[in-house]
Amino acid sequence: MKLFRKPKSKFCWYNFSVRGQRFRGSTQETKSTKAVKVASLKLARAVDGLDPVPSRAVPLAEISRRFLDWLEDVRLEDKTKTYYRDGWRLLKATTITDMRLDQITGDTVERLKFSGSPSNANCALRTLRRMLHKAEEWKLIQYAPKIKLMKEHGRCLRLDDEAEKKLLAAASECKWRKRSRELFRDIVILIRDTGMRNERELYRMRIENLDWENRLIFVPDSKTALLEQRCSSRSAGWVFPSKHAACGHLTSIGHWFCQARRKAGLPERLVLYCARHDYGTRVLMRTGNLAAVMKTMGHKDVKTAMQYQHPELEIVCAALDRNTPTDIRL
């Protein structure tokens, strides 16, 4: 077994032959002592006929087609498949797609930059991690590197009654068309009253799928009677149609929301999705039934559901006061 360094590589490389088959590659180690251990392990596994090292690793972009084909056939939730497809879309915009699998290390991944929030970056990183583990399973690489995820900071704001009033008041002062103001009002109210995901559920809602008799879209004591007004005499079609979108329905009101939020003096961290957090918090406070909240919000994991809970300090204090004798209260 021979260890050597390439002129343009900082890593030590190995070169050996087993039963007439040549094995050559990078140890991904800069120190010779660690490189010897890695190379010895590869030699031992090659001698035992376990996971032979490929003669030349392929680029990440090349295995992406195999990964996406595997994704179509595997038994995974549709949401998980969509998540990985979105992750690959983010990865395609980086230089890592042209790198060979044996060149991708933990250090390489940590230098990647993605637009948007840390959760957006983690979508790409989880996808890359899954792709590399599949490459290891397919014996395209010896082992998949460890990939660290970014720390995510959950939303701590709710689009509550006060924020709704400020947004709608600010929207009424914006120089929008009357139809745009009404659309903005309906979206804000409906997402607060139903807890629906704006892009994946609310915007894609169709009239023929609404159960008016059983009021499945409605929640008790809500203001969602405006759905009937918006649908009017129509019996089919998108609830929020759009002539400009290729899909035929509304896809975003982000520019309106930012304008109204700025005019209302609300923090930039407040986004439309915060209304879903407000819904989860309000429903749990009123019902005390976490299972029911999870069912209406489409959550299967308790940890996920608890991310949407933002109990107010006054509620906690009131609950403590009810169980505390008056003579020992502060």
C-alpha atoms as a PDB file:
ATOM      1  CA  MET A   1       0.000   0.000   0.000  1.00  0.00           C
ATOM      2  CA  LYS A   2       1.300   3.424  -0.976  1.00  0.00           C
ATOM      3  CA  LEU A   3       0.352   6.838   0.409  1.00  0.00           C
ATOM      4  CA  PHE A   4       1.076   9.965  -1.579  1.00  0.00           C
ATOM      5  CA  ARG A   5      -0.031  13.570  -2.031  1.00  0.00           C
ATOM      6  CA  LYS A   6      -1.320  15.123  -5.213  1.00  0.00           C
ATOM      7  CA  PRO A   7       0.060  18.554  -6.183  1.00  0.00           C
ATOM      8  CA  LYS A   8      -3.351  20.273  -5.939  1.00  0.00           C
ATOM      9  CA  SER A   9      -4.793  18.313  -3.027  1.00  0.00           C
ATOM     10  CA  LYS A  10      -4.290  18.856   0.695  1.00  0.00           C
ATOM     11  CA  PHE A  11      -5.312  15.258   1.481  1.00  0.00           C
ATOM     12  CA  CYS A  12      -3.261  12.082   1.544  1.00  0.00           C
ATOM     13  CA  TRP A  13      -4.145   9.561  -1.163  1.00  0.00           C
ATOM     14  CA  TYR A  14      -3.859   5.772  -1.140  1.00  0.00           C
ATOM     15  CA  ASN A  15      -2.937   3.366  -3.930  1.00  0.00           C
ATOM     16  CA  PHE A  16      -3.041  -0.429  -3.631  1.00  0.00           C
ATOM     17  CA  SER A  17      -4.117  -3.519  -5.545  1.00  0.00           C
ATOM     18  CA  VAL A  18      -6.078  -6.544  -4.339  1.00  0.00           C
ATOM     19  CA  ARG A  19      -6.415  -9.655  -6.537  1.00  0.00           C
ATOM     20  CA  GLY A  20      -5.444  -7.659  -9.601  1.00  0.00           C
ATOM     21  CA  GLN A  21      -7.925  -4.847  -8.956  1.00  0.00           C
ATOM     22  CA  ARG A  22      -6.486  -1.421  -8.337  1.00  0.00           C
ATOM     23  CA  PHE A  23      -7.876   0.839  -5.614  1.00  0.00           C
ATOM     24  CA  ARG A  24      -6.929   4.486  -5.580  1.00  0.00           C
ATOM     25  CA  GLY A  25      -8.531   7.480  -3.869  1.00  0.00           C
ATOM     26  CA  SER A  26      -8.413  10.188  -1.243  1.00  0.00           C
ATOM     27  CA  THR A  27      -8.346   9.408   2.470  1.00  0.00           C
ATOM     28  CA  GLN A  28      -9.919  12.838   3.186  1.00  0.00           C
ATOM     29  CA  GLU A  29      -7.229  13.251   5.866  1.00  0.00           C
ATOM     30  CA  THR A  30      -4.383  15.770   5.910  1.00  0.00           C
ATOM     31  CA  LYS A  31      -2.284  14.102   8.627  1.00  0.00           C
ATOM     32  CA  SER A  32      -0.340  11.027   7.579  1.00  0.00           C
ATOM     33  CA  THR A  33      -1.039   9.087  10.797  1.00  0.00           C
ATOM     34  CA  LYS A  34      -4.812   9.368  10.332  1.00  0.00           C
ATOM     35  CA  ALA A  35      -4.469   8.752   6.604  1.00  0.00           C
ATOM     36  CA  VAL A  36      -2.662   5.445   7.295  1.00  0.00           C
ATOM     37  CA  LYS A  37      -5.561   4.280   9.485  1.00  0.00           C
ATOM     38  CA  VAL A  38      -8.140   5.167   6.836  1.00  0.00           C
ATOM     39  CA  ALA A  39      -6.139   3.530   4.069  1.00  0.00           C
ATOM     40  CA  SER A  40      -5.540   0.398   6.181  1.00  0.00           C
ATOM     41  CA  LEU A  41      -9.265   0.110   6.825  1.00  0.00           C
ATOM     42  CA  LYS A  42     -10.007   0.395   3.112  1.00  0.00           C
ATOM     43  CA  LEU A  43      -7.371  -2.231   2.357  1.00  0.00           C
ATOM     44  CA  ALA A  44      -8.803  -4.617   4.954  1.00  0.00           C
ATOM     45  CA  ARG A  45     -12.320  -4.241   3.615  1.00  0.00           C
ATOM     46  CA  ALA A  46     -11.123  -4.729   0.052  1.00  0.00           C
ATOM     47  CA  VAL A  47      -9.274  -7.901   1.057  1.00  0.00           C
ATOM     48  CA  ASP A  48     -12.423  -9.231   2.749  1.00  0.00           C
ATOM     49  CA  GLY A  49     -14.468  -8.326  -0.321  1.00  0.00           C
ATOM     50  CA  LEU A  50     -16.640  -5.887   1.626  1.00  0.00           C
ATOM     51  CA  ASP A  51     -17.773  -2.676  -0.039  1.00  0.00           C
ATOM     52  CA  PRO A  52     -14.933  -2.457  -2.583  1.00  0.00           C
ATOM     53  CA  VAL A  53     -13.855   1.087  -3.287  1.00  0.00           C
ATOM     54  CA  PRO A  54     -15.041   2.296  -6.711  1.00  0.00           C
ATOM     55  CA  SER A  55     -12.292   3.027  -9.214  1.00  0.00           C
ATOM     56  CA  ARG A  56     -13.602   6.564  -9.786  1.00  0.00           C
ATOM     57  CA  ALA A  57     -16.391   8.408  -8.002  1.00  0.00           C
ATOM     58  CA  VAL A  58     -19.137  10.060 -10.062  1.00  0.00           C
ATOM     59  CA  PRO A  59     -20.350  13.667  -9.695  1.00  0.00           C
ATOM     60  CA  LEU A  60     -23.280  14.389  -7.413  1.00  0.00           C
ATOM     61  CA  ALA A  61     -25.365  15.595 -10.362  1.00  0.00           C
ATOM     62  CA  GLU A  62     -24.978  12.178 -11.985  1.00  0.00           C
ATOM     63  CA  ILE A  63     -26.481  10.235  -9.084  1.00  0.00           C
ATOM     64  CA  SER A  64     -29.278  12.806  -8.687  1.00  0.00           C
ATOM     65  CA  ARG A  65     -31.203  11.126 -11.517  1.00  0.00           C
ATOM     66  CA  ARG A  66     -30.938   7.772  -9.778  1.00  0.00           C
ATOM     67  CA  PHE A  67     -31.914   9.333  -6.471  1.00  0.00           C
ATOM     68  CA  LEU A  68     -35.018  11.024  -7.948  1.00  0.00           C
ATOM     69  CA  ASP A  69     -36.043   7.778  -9.647  1.00  0.00           C
ATOM     70  CA  TRP A  70     -35.645   5.965  -6.335  1.00  0.00           C
ATOM     71  CA  LEU A  71     -37.731   8.675  -4.685  1.00  0.00           C
ATOM     72  CA  GLU A  72     -40.623   7.973  -7.066  1.00  0.00           C
ATOM     73  CA  ASP A  73     -40.755   4.247  -6.235  1.00  0.00           C
ATOM     74  CA  VAL A  74     -39.926   4.181  -2.523  1.00  0.00           C
ATOM     75  CA  ARG A  75     -42.610   3.994   0.188  1.00  0.00           C
ATOM     76  CA  LEU A  76     -42.352   7.476   1.659  1.00  0.00           C
ATOM     77  CA  GLU A  77     -44.965  10.074   2.539  1.00  0.00           C
ATOM     78  CA  ASP A  78     -45.802  12.464  -0.294  1.00  0.00           C
ATOM     79  CA  LYS A  79     -44.728  15.372   1.911  1.00  0.00           C
ATOM     80  CA  THR A  80     -41.322  13.734   2.431  1.00  0.00           C
ATOM     81  CA  LYS A  81     -40.862  13.239  -1.302  1.00  0.00           C
ATOM     82  CA  THR A  82     -41.769  16.872  -1.950  1.00  0.00           C
ATOM     83  CA  TYR A  83     -39.320  17.916   0.780  1.00  0.00           C
ATOM     84  CA  TYR A  84     -36.434  16.045  -0.893  1.00  0.00           C
ATOM     85  CA  ARG A  85     -37.324  17.413  -4.325  1.00  0.00           C
ATOM     86  CA  ASP A  86     -37.247  20.941  -2.909  1.00  0.00           C
ATOM     87  CA  GLY A  87     -33.917  20.126  -1.283  1.00  0.00           C
ATOM     88  CA  TRP A  88     -32.418  19.018  -4.592  1.00  0.00           C
ATOM     89  CA  ARG A  89     -33.727  22.194  -6.237  1.00  0.00           C
ATOM     90  CA  LEU A  90     -31.746  24.183  -3.657  1.00  0.00           C
ATOM     91  CA  LEU A  91     -28.644  22.026  -4.105  1.00  0.00           C
ATOM     92  CA  LYS A  92     -28.699  22.453  -7.889  1.00  0.00           C
ATOM     93  CA  ALA A  93     -28.060  26.167  -7.430  1.00  0.00           C
ATOM     94  CA  THR A  94     -24.703  25.466  -5.722  1.00  0.00           C
ATOM     95  CA  THR A  95     -21.317  24.294  -6.985  1.00  0.00           C
ATOM     96  CA  ILE A  96     -21.515  21.000  -5.085  1.00  0.00           C
ATOM     97  CA  THR A  97     -23.443  19.379  -7.951  1.00  0.00           C
ATOM     98  CA  ASP A  98     -20.272  19.286 -10.088  1.00  0.00           C
ATOM     99  CA  MET A  99     -18.158  17.749  -7.329  1.00  0.00           C
ATOM    100  CA  ARG A 100     -17.338  14.042  -7.275  1.00  0.00           C
ATOM    101  CA  LEU A 101     -18.762  12.068  -4.384  1.00  0.00           C
ATOM    102  CA  ASP A 102     -15.331  11.369  -2.894  1.00  0.00           C
ATOM    103  CA  GLN A 103     -14.607  15.124  -2.844  1.00  0.00           C
ATOM    104  CA  ILE A 104     -17.622  15.977  -0.694  1.00  0.00           C
ATOM    105  CA  THR A 105     -16.599  16.306   2.936  1.00  0.00           C
ATOM    106  CA  GLY A 106     -18.106  17.820   6.045  1.00  0.00           C
ATOM    107  CA  ASP A 107     -15.913  20.897   5.581  1.00  0.00           C
ATOM    108  CA  THR A 108     -17.087  21.268   1.993  1.00  0.00           C
ATOM    109  CA  VAL A 109     -20.735  21.153   3.034  1.00  0.00           C
ATOM    110  CA  GLU A 110     -20.246  23.697   5.824  1.00  0.00           C
ATOM    111  CA  ARG A 111     -19.043  26.238   3.254  1.00  0.00           C
ATOM    112  CA  LEU A 112     -22.264  25.974   1.242  1.00  0.00           C
ATOM    113  CA  LYS A 113     -24.611  28.947   1.352  1.00  0.00           C
ATOM    114  CA  PHE A 114     -28.334  28.914   0.722  1.00  0.00           C
ATOM    115  CA  SER A 115     -30.857  31.700   0.445  1.00  0.00           C
ATOM    116  CA  GLY A 116     -33.630  32.035   2.997  1.00  0.00           C
ATOM    117  CA  SER A 117     -33.922  30.839   6.581  1.00  0.00           C
ATOM    118  CA  PRO A 118     -31.910  28.082   8.339  1.00  0.00           C
ATOM    119  CA  SER A 119     -34.864  25.715   7.839  1.00  0.00           C
ATOM    120  CA  ASN A 120     -34.515  26.308   4.118  1.00  0.00           C
ATOM    121  CA  ALA A 121     -30.812  25.426   4.267  1.00  0.00           C
ATOM    122  CA  ASN A 122     -31.545  22.331   6.368  1.00  0.00           C
ATOM    123  CA  CYS A 123     -33.930  21.122   3.674  1.00  0.00           C
ATOM    124  CA  ALA A 124     -31.000  21.063   1.246  1.00  0.00           C
ATOM    125  CA  LEU A 125     -28.604  19.563   3.799  1.00  0.00           C
ATOM    126  CA  ARG A 126     -30.992  16.749   4.765  1.00  0.00           C
ATOM    127  CA  THR A 127     -31.478  15.966   1.089  1.00  0.00           C
ATOM    128  CA  LEU A 128     -27.710  15.874   0.523  1.00  0.00           C
ATOM    129  CA  ARG A 129     -27.252  13.647   3.552  1.00  0.00           C
ATOM    130  CA  ARG A 130     -29.890  11.215   2.252  1.00  0.00           C
ATOM    131  CA  MET A 131     -28.325  11.215  -1.226  1.00  0.00           C
ATOM    132  CA  LEU A 132     -24.856  10.434   0.128  1.00  0.00           C
ATOM    133  CA  HIS A 133     -26.156   7.627   2.328  1.00  0.00           C
ATOM    134  CA  LYS A 134     -27.896   6.144  -0.707  1.00  0.00           C
ATOM    135  CA  ALA A 135     -24.613   6.474  -2.635  1.00  0.00           C
ATOM    136  CA  GLU A 136     -22.890   4.534   0.152  1.00  0.00           C
ATOM    137  CA  GLU A 137     -25.641   1.907  -0.009  1.00  0.00           C
ATOM    138  CA  TRP A 138     -25.208   1.692  -3.793  1.00  0.00           C
ATOM    139  CA  LYS A 139     -21.450   1.231  -3.215  1.00  0.00           C
ATOM    140  CA  LEU A 140     -20.546   4.405  -5.080  1.00  0.00           C
ATOM    141  CA  ILE A 141     -18.547   5.700  -2.082  1.00  0.00           C
ATOM    142  CA  GLN A 142     -16.908   3.993   0.854  1.00  0.00           C
ATOM    143  CA  TYR A 143     -18.752   5.977   3.497  1.00  0.00           C
ATOM    144  CA  ALA A 144     -20.944   9.069   3.664  1.00  0.00           C
ATOM    145  CA  PRO A 145     -19.459  12.089   5.485  1.00  0.00           C
ATOM    146  CA  LYS A 146     -21.139  13.529   8.537  1.00  0.00           C
ATOM    147  CA  ILE A 147     -23.229  16.599   7.738  1.00  0.00           C
ATOM    148  CA  LYS A 148     -24.100  19.116  10.432  1.00  0.00           C
ATOM    149  CA  LEU A 149     -27.438  20.896  10.223  1.00  0.00           C
ATOM    150  CA  MET A 150     -27.904  24.571  10.932  1.00  0.00           C
ATOM    151  CA  LYS A 151     -29.564  25.689  14.139  1.00  0.00           C
ATOM    152  CA  GLU A 152     -33.164  26.655  13.486  1.00  0.00           C
ATOM    153  CA  HIS A 153     -34.962  29.371  15.397  1.00  0.00           C
ATOM    154  CA  GLY A 154     -38.685  28.677  15.468  1.00  0.00           C
ATOM    155  CA  ARG A 155     -41.269  31.387  14.985  1.00  0.00           C
ATOM    156  CA  CYS A 156     -41.988  33.119  18.271  1.00  0.00           C
ATOM    157  CA  LEU A 157     -44.663  35.505  16.981  1.00  0.00           C
ATOM    158  CA  ARG A 158     -48.390  34.997  16.497  1.00  0.00           C
ATOM    159  CA  LEU A 159     -50.590  36.825  14.067  1.00  0.00           C
ATOM    160  CA  ASP A 160     -53.146  37.523  16.803  1.00  0.00           C
ATOM    161  CA  ASP A 161     -56.228  39.776  16.984  1.00  0.00           C
ATOM    162  CA  GLU A 162     -54.190  42.924  17.548  1.00  0.00           C
ATOM    163  CA  ALA A 163     -51.825  42.215  14.656  1.00  0.00           C
ATOM    164  CA  GLU A 164     -54.799  41.414  12.395  1.00  0.00           C
ATOM    165  CA  LYS A 165     -56.487  44.729  13.214  1.00  0.00           C
ATOM    166  CA  LYS A 166     -53.282  46.666  12.515  1.00  0.00           C
ATOM    167  CA  LEU A 167     -52.676  44.843   9.228  1.00  0.00           C
ATOM    168  CA  LEU A 168     -56.211  45.349   7.938  1.00  0.00           C
ATOM    169  CA  ALA A 169     -56.200  48.991   9.006  1.00  0.00           C
ATOM    170  CA  ALA A 170     -52.879  49.534   7.223  1.00  0.00           C
ATOM    171  CA  ALA A 171     -54.153  47.720   4.126  1.00  0.00           C
ATOM    172  CA  SER A 172     -57.172  50.041   3.964  1.00  0.00           C
ATOM    173  CA  GLU A 173     -54.776  52.996   3.711  1.00  0.00           C
ATOM    174  CA  CYS A 174     -52.632  51.445   0.976  1.00  0.00           C
ATOM    175  CA  LYS A 175     -53.219  52.524  -2.591  1.00  0.00           C
ATOM    176  CA  TRP A 176     -54.566  49.187  -3.696  1.00  0.00           C
ATOM    177  CA  ARG A 177     -57.593  48.351  -5.764  1.00  0.00           C
ATOM    178  CA  LYS A 178     -60.742  47.525  -3.799  1.00  0.00           C
ATOM    179  CA  ARG A 179     -60.567  43.945  -5.028  1.00  0.00           C
ATOM    180  CA  SER A 180     -56.998  43.598  -3.760  1.00  0.00           C
ATOM    181  CA  ARG A 181     -57.914  44.949  -0.309  1.00  0.00           C
ATOM    182  CA  GLU A 182     -60.805  42.489  -0.058  1.00  0.00           C
ATOM    183  CA  LEU A 183     -58.589  39.608  -1.149  1.00  0.00           C
ATOM    184  CA  PHE A 184     -55.934  40.553   1.418  1.00  0.00           C
ATOM    185  CA  ARG A 185     -58.578  40.792   4.162  1.00  0.00           C
ATOM    186  CA  ASP A 186     -60.079  37.407   3.277  1.00  0.00           C
ATOM    187  CA  ILE A 187     -56.700  35.645   3.237  1.00  0.00           C
ATOM    188  CA  VAL A 188     -55.612  37.030   6.614  1.00  0.00           C
ATOM    189  CA  ILE A 189     -58.943  36.200   8.287  1.00  0.00           C
ATOM    190  CA  LEU A 190     -59.257  32.726   6.761  1.00  0.00           C
ATOM    191  CA  ILE A 191     -55.749  31.585   7.619  1.00  0.00           C
ATOM    192  CA  ARG A 192     -56.292  32.675  11.226  1.00  0.00           C
ATOM    193  CA  ASP A 193     -59.670  30.959  11.452  1.00  0.00           C
ATOM    194  CA  THR A 194     -58.760  27.701   9.700  1.00  0.00           C
ATOM    195  CA  GLY A 195     -55.051  27.257  10.458  1.00  0.00           C
ATOM    196  CA  MET A 196     -54.489  26.195   6.846  1.00  0.00           C
ATOM    197  CA  ARG A 197     -51.095  26.370   5.191  1.00  0.00           C
ATOM    198  CA  ASN A 198     -51.233  29.378   2.906  1.00  0.00           C
ATOM    199  CA  GLU A 199     -49.429  28.129  -0.201  1.00  0.00           C
ATOM    200  CA  ARG A 200     -50.158  24.402  -0.034  1.00  0.00           C
ATOM    201  CA  GLU A 201     -53.766  24.485   1.182  1.00  0.00           C
ATOM    202  CA  LEU A 202     -55.523  27.848   1.331  1.00  0.00           C
ATOM    203  CA  TYR A 203     -54.516  29.143  -2.109  1.00  0.00           C
ATOM    204  CA  ARG A 204     -55.312  25.768  -3.707  1.00  0.00           C
ATOM    205  CA  MET A 205     -58.779  25.479  -2.190  1.00  0.00           C
ATOM    206  CA  ARG A 206     -61.548  24.675  -4.670  1.00  0.00           C
ATOM    207  CA  ILE A 207     -65.238  25.457  -4.274  1.00  0.00           C
ATOM    208  CA  GLU A 208     -66.454  21.962  -5.152  1.00  0.00           C
ATOM    209  CA  ASN A 209     -64.332  20.513  -2.336  1.00  0.00           C
ATOM    210  CA  LEU A 210     -65.969  22.643   0.360  1.00  0.00           C
ATOM    211  CA  ASP A 211     -68.482  20.813   2.525  1.00  0.00           C
ATOM    212  CA  TRP A 212     -70.938  23.616   3.227  1.00  0.00           C
ATOM    213  CA  GLU A 213     -73.403  21.345   5.041  1.00  0.00           C
ATOM    214  CA  ASN A 214     -70.909  19.980   7.552  1.00  0.00           C
ATOM    215  CA  ARG A 215     -68.813  23.175   7.602  1.00  0.00           C
ATOM    216  CA  LEU A 216     -65.561  21.247   7.512  1.00  0.00           C
ATOM    217  CA  ILE A 217     -63.542  24.295   6.566  1.00  0.00           C
ATOM    218  CA  PHE A 218     -65.116  26.406   9.316  1.00  0.00           C
ATOM    219  CA  VAL A 219     -64.237  26.586  12.990  1.00  0.00           C
ATOM    220  CA  PRO A 220     -66.738  27.580  15.701  1.00  0.00           C
ATOM    221  CA  ASP A 221     -67.361  31.316  16.243  1.00  0.00           C
ATOM    222  CA  SER A 222     -65.229  32.255  13.251  1.00  0.00           C
ATOM    223  CA  LYS A 223     -65.674  34.928  10.631  1.00  0.00           C
ATOM    224  CA  THR A 224     -65.411  32.501   7.718  1.00  0.00           C
ATOM    225  CA  ALA A 225     -68.886  33.256   6.417  1.00  0.00           C
ATOM    226  CA  LEU A 226     -66.932  35.446   4.005  1.00  0.00           C
ATOM    227  CA  LEU A 227     -66.147  32.207   2.130  1.00  0.00           C
ATOM    228  CA  GLU A 228     -69.765  32.067   1.039  1.00  0.00           C
ATOM    229  CA  GLN A 229     -69.582  35.675  -0.071  1.00  0.00           C
ATOM    230  CA  ARG A 230     -66.386  35.059  -2.031  1.00  0.00           C
ATOM    231  CA  CYS A 231     -67.723  31.948  -3.762  1.00  0.00           C
ATOM    232  CA  SER A 232     -71.050  33.684  -4.394  1.00  0.00           C
ATOM    233  CA  SER A 233     -73.047  31.779  -7.016  1.00  0.00           C
ATOM    234  CA  ARG A 234     -70.075  29.765  -8.284  1.00  0.00           C
ATOM    235  CA  SER A 235     -70.300  26.011  -7.722  1.00  0.00           C
ATOM    236  CA  ALA A 236     -66.854  25.021  -8.980  1.00  0.00           C
ATOM    237  CA  GLY A 237     -63.388  26.431  -9.584  1.00  0.00           C
ATOM    238  CA  TRP A 238     -60.685  27.985  -7.434  1.00  0.00           C
ATOM    239  CA  VAL A 239     -61.769  29.943  -4.373  1.00  0.00           C
ATOM    240  CA  PHE A 240     -58.941  32.380  -5.115  1.00  0.00           C
ATOM    241  CA  PRO A 241     -58.581  32.406  -8.930  1.00  0.00           C
ATOM    242  CA  SER A 242     -55.808  34.321 -10.660  1.00  0.00           C
ATOM    243  CA  LYS A 243     -55.562  35.333 -14.305  1.00  0.00           C
ATOM    244  CA  HIS A 244     -51.818  35.934 -14.055  1.00  0.00           C
ATOM    245  CA  ALA A 245     -50.677  32.612 -12.522  1.00  0.00           C
ATOM    246  CA  ALA A 246     -50.122  29.683 -14.857  1.00  0.00           C
ATOM    247  CA  CYS A 247     -51.717  27.328 -12.324  1.00  0.00           C
ATOM    248  CA  GLY A 248     -54.923  29.376 -12.351  1.00  0.00           C
ATOM    249  CA  HIS A 249     -55.008  30.201  -8.649  1.00  0.00           C
ATOM    250  CA  LEU A 250     -53.408  32.685  -6.275  1.00  0.00           C
ATOM    251  CA  THR A 251     -49.854  31.753  -5.319  1.00  0.00           C
ATOM    252  CA  SER A 252     -48.740  34.540  -2.974  1.00  0.00           C
ATOM    253  CA  ILE A 253     -49.699  37.820  -1.315  1.00  0.00           C
ATOM    254  CA  GLY A 254     -46.209  38.360   0.058  1.00  0.00           C
ATOM    255  CA  HIS A 255     -45.707  41.795  -1.505  1.00  0.00           C
ATOM    256  CA  TRP A 256     -49.016  43.032  -0.087  1.00  0.00           C
ATOM    257  CA  PHE A 257     -48.278  41.553   3.330  1.00  0.00           C
ATOM    258  CA  CYS A 258     -44.835  43.212   3.514  1.00  0.00           C
ATOM    259  CA  GLN A 259     -46.308  46.554   2.514  1.00  0.00           C
ATOM    260  CA  ALA A 260     -49.136  46.366   5.073  1.00  0.00           C
ATOM    261  CA  ARG A 261     -46.776  45.090   7.789  1.00  0.00           C
ATOM    262  CA  ARG A 262     -44.365  47.942   7.187  1.00  0.00           C
ATOM    263  CA  LYS A 263     -47.188  50.512   7.236  1.00  0.00           C
ATOM    264  CA  ALA A 264     -48.610  48.974  10.441  1.00  0.00           C
ATOM    265  CA  GLY A 265     -45.213  49.141  12.166  1.00  0.00           C
ATOM    266  CA  LEU A 266     -45.125  45.398  12.869  1.00  0.00           C
ATOM    267  CA  PRO A 267     -41.822  43.456  13.144  1.00  0.00           C
ATOM    268  CA  GLU A 268     -40.329  41.872  10.032  1.00  0.00           C
ATOM    269  CA  ARG A 269     -40.305  38.487  11.762  1.00  0.00           C
ATOM    270  CA  LEU A 270     -44.104  38.490  11.556  1.00  0.00           C
ATOM    271  CA  VAL A 271     -45.095  36.573   8.425  1.00  0.00           C
ATOM    272  CA  LEU A 272     -48.428  35.291   7.187  1.00  0.00           C
ATOM    273  CA  TYR A 273     -47.575  31.768   8.374  1.00  0.00           C
ATOM    274  CA  CYS A 274     -47.573  33.098  11.954  1.00  0.00           C
ATOM    275  CA  ALA A 275     -51.375  33.006  11.690  1.00  0.00           C
ATOM    276  CA  ARG A 276     -51.133  29.209  11.710  1.00  0.00           C
ATOM    277  CA  HIS A 277     -49.188  29.401  14.961  1.00  0.00           C
ATOM    278  CA  ASP A 278     -51.911  31.637  16.369  1.00  0.00           C
ATOM    279  CA  TYR A 279     -54.556  29.100  15.331  1.00  0.00           C
ATOM    280  CA  GLY A 280     -52.747  26.202  17.024  1.00  0.00           C
ATOM    281  CA  THR A 281     -52.284  28.190  20.232  1.00  0.00           C
ATOM    282  CA  ARG A 282     -55.903  29.406  20.400  1.00  0.00           C
ATOM    283  CA  VAL A 283     -57.486  26.037  19.660  1.00  0.00           C
ATOM    284  CA  LEU A 284     -55.414  24.218  22.283  1.00  0.00           C
ATOM    285  CA  MET A 285     -56.177  26.874  24.910  1.00  0.00           C
ATOM    286  CA  ARG A 286     -59.916  26.594  24.222  1.00  0.00           C
ATOM    287  CA  THR A 287     -60.165  22.812  23.914  1.00  0.00           C
ATOM    288  CA  GLY A 288     -57.235  21.478  25.934  1.00  0.00           C
ATOM    289  CA  ASN A 289     -57.174  18.619  23.421  1.00  0.00           C
ATOM    290  CA  LEU A 290     -53.763  18.312  21.761  1.00  0.00           C
ATOM    291  CA  ALA A 291     -54.852  15.287  19.691  1.00  0.00           C
ATOM    292  CA  ALA A 292     -57.694  17.297  18.152  1.00  0.00           C
ATOM    293  CA  VAL A 293     -55.342  20.177  17.379  1.00  0.00           C
ATOM    294  CA  MET A 294     -52.877  17.790  15.708  1.00  0.00           C
ATOM    295  CA  LYS A 295     -55.666  16.299  13.590  1.00  0.00           C
ATOM    296  CA  THR A 296     -57.008  19.639  12.373  1.00  0.00           C
ATOM    297  CA  MET A 297     -53.511  20.957  11.605  1.00  0.00           C
ATOM    298  CA  GLY A 298     -52.306  17.776   9.908  1.00  0.00           C
ATOM    299  CA  HIS A 299     -49.537  16.977  12.406  1.00  0.00           C
ATOM    300  CA  LYS A 300     -48.477  13.404  13.138  1.00  0.00           C
ATOM    301  CA  ASP A 301     -45.708  14.199  15.614  1.00  0.00           C
ATOM    302  CA  VAL A 302     -46.206  15.809  19.019  1.00  0.00           C
ATOM    303  CA  LYS A 303     -42.882  17.656  18.768  1.00  0.00           C
ATOM    304  CA  THR A 304     -44.029  19.308  15.554  1.00  0.00           C
ATOM    305  CA  ALA A 305     -47.381  20.247  17.069  1.00  0.00           C
ATOM    306  CA  MET A 306     -45.748  21.811  20.123  1.00  0.00           C
ATOM    307  CA  GLN A 307     -43.769  24.187  17.900  1.00  0.00           C
ATOM    308  CA  TYR A 308     -47.073  25.898  17.170  1.00  0.00           C
ATOM    309  CA  GLN A 309     -47.867  26.509  20.837  1.00  0.00           C
ATOM    310  CA  HIS A 310     -47.150  29.974  22.264  1.00  0.00           C
ATOM    311  CA  PRO A 311     -49.001  30.215  25.582  1.00  0.00           C
ATOM    312  CA  GLU A 312     -49.178  33.710  27.024  1.00  0.00           C
ATOM    313  CA  LEU A 313     -47.577  34.403  30.398  1.00  0.00           C
ATOM    314  CA  GLU A 314     -50.845  35.841  31.742  1.00  0.00           C
ATOM    315  CA  ILE A 315     -52.597  32.511  31.142  1.00  0.00           C
ATOM    316  CA  VAL A 316     -49.926  30.614  33.079  1.00  0.00           C
ATOM    317  CA  CYS A 317     -50.115  33.095  35.949  1.00  0.00           C
ATOM    318  CA  ALA A 318     -53.906  32.863  36.056  1.00  0.00           C
ATOM    319  CA  ALA A 319     -53.756  29.075  36.192  1.00  0.00           C
ATOM    320  CA  LEU A 320     -51.279  29.217  39.065  1.00  0.00           C
ATOM    321  CA  ASP A 321     -53.386  31.773  40.920  1.00  0.00           C
ATOM    322  CA  ARG A 322     -56.444  29.515  40.791  1.00  0.00           C
ATOM    323  CA  ASN A 323     -54.541  26.763  42.635  1.00  0.00           C
ATOM    324  CA  THR A 324     -52.678  28.987  45.103  1.00  0.00           C
ATOM    325  CA  PRO A 325     -54.139  29.957  48.523  1.00  0.00           C
ATOM    326  CA  THR A 326     -54.753  33.674  48.777  1.00  0.00           C
ATOM    327  CA  ASP A 327     -52.692  34.026  51.950  1.00  0.00           C
ATOM    328  CA  ILE A 328     -49.426  32.915  50.270  1.00  0.00           C
ATOM    329  CA  ARG A 329     -49.819  34.707  46.937  1.00  0.00           C
ATOM    330  CA  LEU A 330     -47.227  37.301  46.126  1.00  0.00           C
END
